[in-house]
Protein backbone atom coordinates (compact mmCIF):
# COMPACT_ATOMS: atom_id res chain seq x y z
CA MET A 1 -15.25 -8.47 -30.87
CA ASP A 2 -15.01 -7.45 -27.06
CA PHE A 3 -12.12 -8.51 -24.17
CA PHE A 4 -15.21 -11.35 -23.52
CA GLU A 5 -15.29 -12.72 -26.75
CA GLU A 6 -11.76 -12.64 -27.13
CA SER A 7 -10.76 -14.02 -24.04
CA GLU A 8 -12.78 -17.05 -24.05
CA ASN A 9 -12.01 -17.80 -27.53
CA THR A 10 -11.37 -21.83 -27.15
CA ASP A 11 -10.58 -22.42 -30.67
CA ARG A 12 -7.83 -20.14 -31.09
CA LYS A 13 -4.32 -21.10 -32.37
CA GLY A 14 -1.29 -20.89 -31.26
CA PRO A 15 0.40 -21.54 -27.84
CA PRO A 16 -2.06 -22.24 -24.91
CA ALA A 17 -2.08 -18.65 -22.80
CA PRO A 18 -0.22 -19.05 -19.26
CA LEU A 19 -1.65 -20.52 -16.57
CA ALA A 20 -2.20 -17.01 -14.71
CA ASP A 21 -4.00 -15.98 -17.77
CA ARG A 22 -6.34 -18.75 -17.82
CA MET A 23 -7.13 -19.10 -14.05
CA ARG A 24 -8.45 -15.68 -13.97
CA PRO A 25 -11.56 -15.36 -12.53
CA ARG A 26 -15.21 -14.95 -14.47
CA SER A 27 -17.21 -14.14 -11.44
CA PHE A 28 -17.03 -13.48 -8.09
CA ASP A 29 -18.01 -16.77 -6.87
CA GLU A 30 -14.29 -17.51 -8.53
CA PHE A 31 -12.35 -14.68 -7.04
CA VAL A 32 -10.31 -14.97 -3.61
CA GLY A 33 -9.49 -11.80 -1.64
CA GLN A 34 -10.27 -8.55 -1.21
CA ASP A 35 -13.17 -8.91 0.70
CA LYS A 36 -13.42 -5.81 2.47
CA ILE A 37 -14.04 -4.27 -1.10
CA VAL A 38 -15.73 -6.71 -2.94
CA GLY A 39 -17.41 -9.03 -0.11
CA SER A 40 -20.92 -9.41 0.31
CA ASP A 41 -22.40 -6.41 1.60
CA THR A 42 -19.72 -4.22 0.59
CA PRO A 43 -21.43 -0.93 -0.67
CA LEU A 44 -19.26 -1.70 -4.35
CA ARG A 45 -20.51 -5.35 -4.29
CA LYS A 46 -24.07 -3.68 -4.03
CA ALA A 47 -22.99 -0.82 -6.54
CA ILE A 48 -22.21 -3.79 -8.99
CA GLU A 49 -25.49 -6.04 -7.82
CA GLN A 50 -27.16 -2.89 -9.00
CA ASP A 51 -25.69 -1.82 -12.12
CA ASN A 52 -24.46 1.47 -10.59
CA VAL A 53 -20.92 1.15 -10.57
CA PRO A 54 -19.03 4.16 -10.66
CA SER A 55 -15.33 5.27 -12.23
CA ILE A 56 -12.98 3.54 -10.28
CA ILE A 57 -9.03 3.42 -9.62
CA PHE A 58 -7.67 0.50 -7.73
CA TRP A 59 -4.52 1.05 -6.11
CA GLY A 60 -2.73 -1.80 -5.04
CA PRO A 61 0.50 -4.41 -5.43
CA PRO A 62 0.83 -6.36 -8.44
CA GLY A 63 -0.93 -9.64 -8.41
CA SER A 64 -3.57 -8.33 -6.07
CA GLY A 65 -6.40 -8.32 -8.43
CA LYS A 66 -6.82 -4.83 -10.24
CA THR A 67 -7.66 -6.28 -13.78
CA THR A 68 -9.22 -8.98 -12.42
CA LEU A 69 -11.77 -7.16 -10.44
CA ALA A 70 -12.50 -4.75 -13.28
CA TYR A 71 -13.28 -7.80 -16.03
CA VAL A 72 -15.07 -9.30 -13.50
CA ILE A 73 -17.30 -6.06 -12.67
CA ALA A 74 -18.37 -5.19 -15.95
CA ARG A 75 -19.62 -9.23 -16.74
CA ALA A 76 -21.48 -9.30 -13.77
CA THR A 77 -23.63 -6.15 -15.13
CA GLU A 78 -23.25 -6.94 -18.74
CA GLY A 79 -21.13 -4.32 -20.28
CA GLN A 80 -18.61 -4.00 -23.07
CA PHE A 81 -15.15 -4.07 -21.17
CA VAL A 82 -12.42 -2.34 -23.44
CA PRO A 83 -8.71 -2.66 -21.73
CA PHE A 84 -5.76 -1.04 -22.65
CA SER A 85 -2.41 -0.13 -21.95
CA ALA A 86 -1.17 3.17 -20.64
CA VAL A 87 2.33 2.84 -21.91
CA THR A 88 1.26 1.93 -25.32
CA SER A 89 -1.67 4.16 -25.81
CA GLY A 90 -1.34 7.65 -27.26
CA ILE A 91 -3.93 10.64 -26.99
CA LYS A 92 -5.09 9.56 -30.69
CA GLU A 93 -6.30 5.85 -29.37
CA VAL A 94 -7.26 7.05 -26.11
CA LYS A 95 -10.16 9.57 -28.05
CA GLU A 96 -10.97 7.01 -30.87
CA VAL A 97 -12.20 4.26 -27.60
CA LEU A 98 -14.11 7.27 -26.40
CA ARG A 99 -15.54 8.09 -29.50
CA LYS A 100 -16.87 4.84 -30.37
CA ALA A 101 -18.13 3.97 -26.93
CA ASN A 102 -20.29 7.08 -26.74
CA ASN A 103 -21.67 5.52 -30.28
CA TYR A 104 -22.24 1.80 -28.22
CA TYR A 105 -23.89 2.98 -25.58
CA LYS A 106 -26.22 5.23 -27.83
CA MET A 107 -26.78 2.05 -29.68
CA SER A 108 -27.43 -0.91 -26.94
CA GLY A 109 -27.57 1.39 -23.76
CA ARG A 110 -25.10 -0.97 -22.34
CA ARG A 111 -22.05 1.05 -21.01
CA THR A 112 -18.26 0.29 -22.41
CA TYR A 113 -16.25 0.00 -19.24
CA VAL A 114 -13.01 1.39 -20.57
CA PHE A 115 -9.79 -0.37 -18.30
CA ILE A 116 -6.44 0.94 -17.90
CA ASP A 117 -3.63 -0.58 -16.84
CA GLU A 118 -0.93 1.87 -14.90
CA ILE A 119 -3.19 4.47 -15.38
CA HIS A 120 -0.59 6.28 -13.38
CA ARG A 121 1.71 6.63 -16.89
CA PHE A 122 -0.93 8.87 -18.06
CA ASN A 123 0.40 12.47 -19.19
CA LYS A 124 -2.16 15.19 -17.64
CA ALA A 125 -3.35 15.81 -21.48
CA GLN A 126 -4.43 12.06 -21.71
CA GLN A 127 -6.38 12.21 -18.81
CA ASP A 128 -8.05 15.13 -19.22
CA ALA A 129 -9.47 13.30 -22.28
CA PHE A 130 -11.73 11.13 -20.15
CA LEU A 131 -12.76 13.89 -17.72
CA PRO A 132 -16.34 14.97 -19.83
CA TYR A 133 -16.99 11.17 -20.73
CA VAL A 134 -16.85 10.13 -17.02
CA GLU A 135 -18.88 13.01 -15.83
CA LYS A 136 -21.54 12.21 -18.16
CA GLY A 137 -21.49 8.59 -17.30
CA ASP A 138 -20.84 7.31 -20.89
CA ILE A 139 -18.19 4.93 -20.06
CA ILE A 140 -16.93 3.58 -16.39
CA LEU A 141 -13.55 4.05 -16.75
CA ILE A 142 -11.15 1.74 -14.81
CA GLY A 143 -7.91 2.87 -13.57
CA ALA A 144 -5.49 0.49 -11.97
CA THR A 145 -1.86 1.44 -10.37
CA THR A 146 0.94 0.68 -7.90
CA GLU A 147 1.52 4.49 -7.10
CA ASN A 148 -0.59 6.66 -5.00
CA PRO A 149 -3.16 8.08 -7.29
CA SER A 150 -3.18 11.05 -5.16
CA PHE A 151 0.42 11.98 -6.50
CA GLU A 152 0.11 10.38 -9.89
CA VAL A 153 -4.08 11.48 -11.52
CA ILE A 154 -4.89 14.73 -12.02
CA SER A 155 -7.25 16.05 -9.46
CA ALA A 156 -10.16 17.10 -11.91
CA LEU A 157 -10.32 13.24 -12.48
CA ILE A 158 -9.81 11.93 -9.34
CA SER A 159 -12.98 14.09 -7.55
CA ARG A 160 -15.09 11.79 -10.45
CA MET A 161 -13.94 8.60 -8.93
CA ARG A 162 -13.81 6.31 -6.43
CA VAL A 163 -10.11 5.12 -5.08
CA TYR A 164 -10.34 1.58 -3.94
CA VAL A 165 -6.86 0.10 -2.16
CA LEU A 166 -6.00 -3.27 -2.57
CA GLU A 167 -3.89 -5.23 -0.30
CA ARG A 168 -1.51 -8.08 -0.62
CA LEU A 169 -3.33 -11.20 -0.62
CA SER A 170 -2.80 -13.61 2.20
CA VAL A 171 -0.59 -17.06 1.88
CA ASP A 172 -4.07 -18.32 3.04
CA ASP A 173 -5.86 -16.94 -0.41
CA ILE A 174 -2.66 -17.78 -2.18
CA LYS A 175 -2.64 -21.52 -1.11
CA GLU A 176 -6.57 -21.59 -2.33
CA ILE A 177 -5.62 -20.27 -5.91
CA ILE A 178 -2.67 -22.80 -6.27
CA GLU A 179 -5.27 -25.60 -4.97
CA ARG A 180 -7.91 -24.48 -7.36
CA ALA A 181 -5.54 -24.17 -10.55
CA LEU A 182 -4.34 -28.41 -9.85
CA ALA A 183 -7.59 -29.34 -9.58
CA ASP A 184 -9.28 -27.38 -12.66
CA SER A 185 -9.76 -29.38 -15.76
CA ASP A 186 -11.16 -27.02 -17.78
CA ARG A 187 -8.52 -24.58 -17.20
CA GLY A 188 -6.03 -25.74 -15.00
CA MET A 189 -4.01 -28.69 -14.64
CA ALA A 190 -6.08 -31.40 -13.79
CA GLU A 191 -5.07 -33.38 -16.18
CA MET A 192 -0.84 -33.41 -15.85
CA GLY A 193 -1.77 -35.36 -12.20
CA LEU A 194 -0.08 -33.53 -10.09
CA SER A 195 0.11 -33.84 -6.53
CA LEU A 196 2.24 -31.29 -3.63
CA ASP A 197 4.93 -33.07 -1.66
CA ASP A 198 4.82 -31.94 2.03
CA GLY A 199 5.92 -27.86 2.55
CA ALA A 200 5.57 -27.62 -1.33
CA LEU A 201 2.21 -25.54 -1.33
CA GLU A 202 3.33 -23.38 1.62
CA PHE A 203 6.33 -22.76 -0.07
CA ILE A 204 4.57 -21.89 -3.09
CA ALA A 205 2.20 -19.80 -1.26
CA ALA A 206 5.47 -17.45 0.41
CA ALA A 207 7.35 -17.46 -2.38
CA ALA A 208 4.12 -15.49 -4.01
CA ASP A 209 4.86 -12.79 -1.70
CA GLY A 210 0.77 -12.05 -1.58
CA ASP A 211 1.07 -11.62 -5.66
CA ALA A 212 -1.30 -14.27 -7.59
CA ARG A 213 0.20 -14.45 -10.61
CA ARG A 214 3.54 -15.02 -9.59
CA GLY A 215 2.38 -17.98 -7.29
CA LEU A 216 0.71 -19.63 -10.23
CA SER A 217 3.72 -19.08 -12.73
CA LEU A 218 6.02 -20.73 -9.84
CA LEU A 219 3.52 -23.54 -10.10
CA GLU A 220 3.47 -24.21 -13.77
CA THR A 221 7.09 -24.16 -14.35
CA THR A 222 7.68 -26.29 -11.78
CA ALA A 223 5.06 -28.85 -13.14
CA ALA A 224 6.45 -28.59 -16.61
CA TYR A 225 10.03 -28.93 -14.88
CA VAL A 226 8.99 -32.41 -13.00
CA GLY A 227 6.45 -33.70 -15.40
CA GLU A 228 2.97 -35.39 -15.80
CA GLY A 229 2.04 -37.81 -13.19
CA ASN A 230 4.61 -36.43 -10.56
CA ILE A 231 4.87 -34.81 -7.15
CA ILE A 232 5.94 -31.11 -6.98
CA THR A 233 8.85 -31.25 -3.53
CA VAL A 234 9.97 -28.60 -1.86
CA ASP A 235 13.63 -29.32 -3.66
CA ALA A 236 12.30 -29.32 -7.26
CA LEU A 237 10.45 -25.44 -6.37
CA ILE A 238 13.24 -24.47 -5.26
CA LYS A 239 15.58 -25.51 -8.29
CA VAL A 240 12.91 -23.71 -10.42
CA ASN A 241 12.76 -20.37 -8.13
CA GLN A 242 16.26 -20.02 -8.28
CA LYS A 243 16.34 -18.62 -5.00
CA THR A 244 17.66 -19.33 -1.59
CA ALA A 245 14.92 -20.07 0.52
CA LEU A 246 13.87 -19.57 3.52
CA GLN A 247 13.49 -22.78 5.89
CA TYR A 248 9.40 -23.26 5.74
CA ASP A 249 7.07 -25.10 8.18
CA LYS A 250 4.05 -26.46 6.97
CA ALA A 251 1.92 -23.33 8.21
CA GLY A 252 4.49 -21.33 5.96
CA GLU A 253 4.88 -18.93 8.68
CA GLU A 254 8.43 -19.48 8.77
CA HIS A 255 9.82 -15.99 7.42
CA TYR A 256 6.81 -13.93 9.63
CA ASN A 257 8.06 -15.53 12.42
CA LEU A 258 11.77 -14.80 11.85
CA ILE A 259 11.38 -10.97 11.13
CA SER A 260 9.26 -11.12 14.43
CA ALA A 261 11.80 -12.51 16.51
CA LEU A 262 14.60 -9.97 14.80
CA HIS A 263 11.88 -6.48 15.86
CA LYS A 264 10.97 -7.91 19.24
CA THR A 265 14.91 -8.80 20.13
CA ILE A 266 15.82 -5.56 19.33
CA ARG A 267 12.57 -3.75 21.52
CA GLY A 268 14.39 -6.15 24.18
CA GLY A 269 17.23 -4.84 24.23
CA ASP A 270 19.18 -7.85 23.86
CA PRO A 271 21.85 -7.39 21.19
CA ASP A 272 23.38 -10.67 20.72
CA ALA A 273 20.37 -12.72 20.14
CA ALA A 274 19.28 -9.57 17.64
CA LEU A 275 22.50 -10.30 15.74
CA TYR A 276 21.71 -14.18 16.04
CA TRP A 277 18.06 -13.69 14.43
CA LEU A 278 19.28 -11.17 11.82
CA ALA A 279 21.56 -14.11 10.54
CA ARG A 280 19.45 -16.51 10.80
CA MET A 281 17.68 -14.33 8.32
CA LEU A 282 20.53 -13.85 5.95
CA GLU A 283 21.61 -17.11 6.09
CA ALA A 284 17.88 -18.47 5.19
CA GLY A 285 18.64 -16.15 1.78
CA GLU A 286 15.82 -12.99 3.19
CA ASP A 287 16.51 -9.96 1.04
CA PRO A 288 18.54 -7.96 3.05
CA LEU A 289 16.99 -4.76 1.54
CA TYR A 290 13.74 -5.67 3.55
CA ILE A 291 15.55 -6.37 6.50
CA VAL A 292 16.82 -2.69 6.41
CA ARG A 293 13.22 -1.51 5.53
CA ARG A 294 11.96 -3.02 8.85
CA LEU A 295 14.58 -2.05 11.09
CA ILE A 296 13.60 1.78 9.37
CA ARG A 297 10.52 1.03 10.66
CA PHE A 298 11.27 -0.08 13.62
CA ALA A 299 13.46 3.31 14.20
CA SER A 300 10.46 5.24 14.05
CA GLU A 301 8.19 3.28 15.39
CA ASP A 302 9.99 1.85 19.12
CA ILE A 303 13.24 3.98 19.25
CA GLY A 304 11.21 7.65 17.93
CA LEU A 305 12.59 10.74 19.61
CA ALA A 306 14.57 9.07 22.21
CA ASP A 307 17.50 8.65 20.00
CA PRO A 308 16.57 10.36 16.72
CA TYR A 309 20.34 9.15 15.56
CA ALA A 310 18.50 5.34 14.79
CA LEU A 311 16.98 6.56 11.94
CA THR A 312 20.31 8.43 10.63
CA LEU A 313 22.42 5.38 11.37
CA THR A 314 19.33 2.64 9.66
CA MET A 315 18.59 5.42 6.59
CA ALA A 316 23.09 4.95 5.98
CA ALA A 317 23.01 0.88 6.50
CA ARG A 318 20.32 1.03 3.60
CA ASP A 319 23.24 3.21 1.64
CA ALA A 320 26.08 1.29 2.36
CA TYR A 321 24.37 -2.42 1.74
CA HIS A 322 23.16 -0.59 -1.68
CA PHE A 323 27.06 0.68 -2.11
CA LEU A 324 28.84 -2.50 -1.12
CA GLY A 325 26.11 -5.40 -1.59
CA SER A 326 26.70 -9.00 0.09
CA PRO A 327 28.76 -10.08 2.28
CA GLU A 328 30.29 -6.63 3.17
CA GLY A 329 27.13 -4.36 3.21
CA GLU A 330 25.32 -6.80 5.48
CA LEU A 331 27.90 -5.77 8.65
CA ALA A 332 26.56 -2.17 8.02
CA ILE A 333 23.39 -3.97 8.63
CA ALA A 334 24.62 -5.91 11.64
CA GLN A 335 25.97 -2.17 13.08
CA ALA A 336 22.51 -0.45 13.08
CA VAL A 337 20.76 -3.88 14.56
CA VAL A 338 23.11 -3.84 17.76
CA TYR A 339 22.97 0.21 17.54
CA MET A 340 19.28 -0.50 18.16
CA ALA A 341 19.12 -3.32 20.29
CA CYS A 342 21.26 -0.95 22.75
CA ALA A 343 19.49 2.33 22.25
CA PRO A 344 16.79 3.86 24.92
CA LYS A 345 13.54 3.37 23.67
CA SER A 346 10.19 5.66 22.80
CA ASN A 347 7.29 4.14 20.91
CA ALA A 348 5.66 8.01 22.19
CA VAL A 349 5.73 9.79 18.51
CA TYR A 350 4.09 6.59 17.30
CA THR A 351 1.62 6.54 19.61
CA ALA A 352 1.11 10.51 19.14
CA PHE A 353 0.82 9.75 15.64
CA SER A 354 -1.55 7.25 15.63
CA LYS A 355 -4.36 9.37 17.87
CA ALA A 356 -3.96 12.26 15.26
CA LYS A 357 -4.67 10.60 12.19
CA GLU A 358 -8.09 9.46 13.91
CA ASP A 359 -8.80 12.78 15.06
CA ALA A 360 -7.79 13.88 11.31
CA ALA A 361 -9.74 10.63 9.82
CA GLY A 362 -13.10 11.45 12.47
CA SER A 363 -13.36 15.01 12.55
CA GLY A 364 -13.86 16.22 8.65
CA SER A 365 -11.93 18.62 6.83
CA LEU A 366 -11.78 21.42 9.46
CA PRO A 367 -11.18 24.91 8.24
CA VAL A 368 -7.56 25.90 9.46
CA PRO A 369 -8.02 28.79 11.62
CA PHE A 370 -7.91 32.26 9.65
CA TRP A 371 -4.64 33.35 11.79
CA ILE A 372 -2.51 30.01 11.09
CA ARG A 373 -3.23 30.41 7.57
CA ASN A 374 -1.35 31.12 4.17
CA ALA A 375 -1.93 35.11 2.95
CA PRO A 376 0.30 35.26 -0.34
CA THR A 377 -2.19 37.81 -1.87
CA SER A 378 -3.95 40.98 -1.74
CA LEU A 379 -7.08 39.47 -1.59
CA MET A 380 -6.56 36.69 0.96
CA LYS A 381 -5.04 39.19 3.27
CA ASP A 382 -8.43 41.30 2.74
CA LEU A 383 -10.90 38.06 3.65
CA GLY A 384 -8.50 38.12 7.06
CA TYR A 385 -5.66 35.12 6.61
CA GLY A 386 -3.15 35.27 9.01
CA LYS A 387 -4.50 38.16 10.48
CA GLY A 388 -3.68 38.08 14.41
CA TYR A 389 -0.87 35.54 13.87
CA LYS A 390 1.58 36.21 16.83
CA TYR A 391 5.16 35.37 16.00
CA ALA A 392 6.58 33.47 18.44
CA HIS A 393 10.10 34.85 18.12
CA ASP A 394 8.88 37.98 19.64
CA PHE A 395 7.73 36.72 23.10
CA GLU A 396 9.22 35.81 25.87
CA ASP A 397 10.71 32.58 25.78
CA ALA A 398 9.05 32.02 22.36
CA LEU A 399 5.69 31.28 23.80
CA THR A 400 2.18 32.22 23.02
CA ASP A 401 -1.79 32.30 23.53
CA GLN A 402 -2.29 31.57 19.93
CA GLU A 403 -3.97 28.64 19.76
CA TYR A 404 -3.12 26.46 16.55
CA PHE A 405 -6.33 23.76 16.72
CA PRO A 406 -9.23 24.20 15.02
CA LYS A 407 -12.15 24.98 17.96
CA GLU A 408 -13.25 21.52 17.76
CA LEU A 409 -9.92 20.09 18.71
CA VAL A 410 -9.03 22.69 20.90
CA GLY A 411 -7.28 20.88 24.20
CA ARG A 412 -6.09 17.99 22.71
CA CYS A 413 -2.85 16.84 23.94
CA TYR A 414 -1.52 13.76 21.79
CA TYR A 415 2.11 13.46 22.59
CA HIS A 416 3.25 12.16 26.19
CA PRO A 417 7.23 11.49 26.18
CA THR A 418 8.98 9.55 27.80
CA ASP A 419 11.77 10.23 30.24
CA ARG A 420 14.33 8.59 28.33
CA GLY A 421 17.36 9.59 26.04
CA ARG A 422 17.24 12.81 24.42
CA GLU A 423 13.26 12.53 24.82
CA ALA A 424 13.60 13.89 28.10
CA LYS A 425 14.21 17.37 26.66
CA MET A 426 10.62 17.41 25.20
CA VAL A 427 9.82 16.84 28.19
CA GLU A 428 10.90 19.56 29.93
CA HIS A 429 9.70 21.70 26.79
CA LEU A 430 5.97 20.54 27.27
CA ARG A 431 6.36 21.15 30.69
CA ARG A 432 6.89 24.79 29.82
CA PHE A 433 4.41 24.64 27.16
CA ARG A 434 1.44 23.37 28.73
CA ALA A 435 2.11 25.24 31.85
CA PHE A 436 1.95 28.23 30.43
CA ARG A 437 -1.20 27.61 28.46
CA GLN A 438 -2.60 26.64 31.60
CA LYS A 439 -1.55 29.85 33.37
CA VAL A 440 -2.61 32.32 30.28
CA LYS A 441 -6.17 30.23 31.00
CA ARG A 442 -6.22 31.29 34.72
CA SER A 443 -4.87 34.72 33.78
CA PRO A 444 -5.41 35.93 30.99
CA SER A 445 -3.71 39.28 31.28
CA ALA A 446 -0.47 37.34 31.59
CA ALA A 447 -0.77 36.36 28.38
CA ASP A 448 2.23 37.03 25.56
CA LYS A 449 4.46 39.08 27.60
CA LYS A 450 6.78 41.10 25.12
CA LYS A 451 10.68 40.65 24.66
CA SER A 452 11.52 43.63 26.44
């Protein structure tokens, strides 16, 4: 019996499956979210329609649809779907599944979709076992992971798979999923005759935090609490959720409005208003470490090198809160907020890095110039690696005419520092550096004047 038959066996005995499992989409018509990956006319959707699906890794947060997508893909192409967990399966189980999949393909002409949840937990030997089967196309391997696959999956395997990055489901996505579950008379909760009070749908969508499974679980537990034919209120959801709720409005946006207010107030340099918005978030029950994560991002994005100590202070606030907890640790967060509101601001590094990423993504794998390549072996030295490298300390003011860009990008200028705070020192360095480069271009004979 494959996964389709097992999951759709309505005559099975025992307690009903959880709502999140019952409401798992069976087709793309029922699937919500991830339009960038499997929306109409996307490359993956076309590959599915043409029954030409490659081996895949879905990388994304919990509840974003990784398992469901694998299931829907296999069903759409009439393949056999074999799921197993990297947590409980060893190399013996892996080889047995692969052997049966190979035999199944020879007998039926149908391919087997081997779905591995938490593929990042497989060790190298387990991952190696898949290589020949993936390469020959005997199976379609679909891995799901919440971890960066480039760090956790061996390069030989990842080079034979396509990686798709799934995003957290939006508030609107979660709302649609919840409304479907309430109205579905086959697999959902329609027979309970429940209705949602004002603000309840927004509360569930926000509490789900992008995780469909979390939202459906909250709905199911609250439904059991209020009973059939009753109204699910925000108060009931708060009791079941066992967590002080933020003050959500009917659009479910208050959480994001508050963090936006804090971020923009710090950027605007008002420490008093920033403290108010911080207090509002903490009083509403926001996770203090979520706030700290946003402050750490702010320190790099909006203050940068104008005052690099801001990043150190926000990291220290994180550690202080870990050590002290609430309410004592919240004072360290307030300290970081006040400091950053008063600190000089610069987004020059943020802007420069964004431009550099555009070039890195758009210019392909340009070769590293030979003179700045690493040359740890004699063969590499014979090939010219490192030849012509100019050691900056051997030259006056540590300046040379050495080119560090690939030739296709020579002359790029990303970083334009401000004259605020410590970043003013960067202005001074770059003025000397770029003036020297211009002088060298005009008078090559003046280049690389050695220290006397």
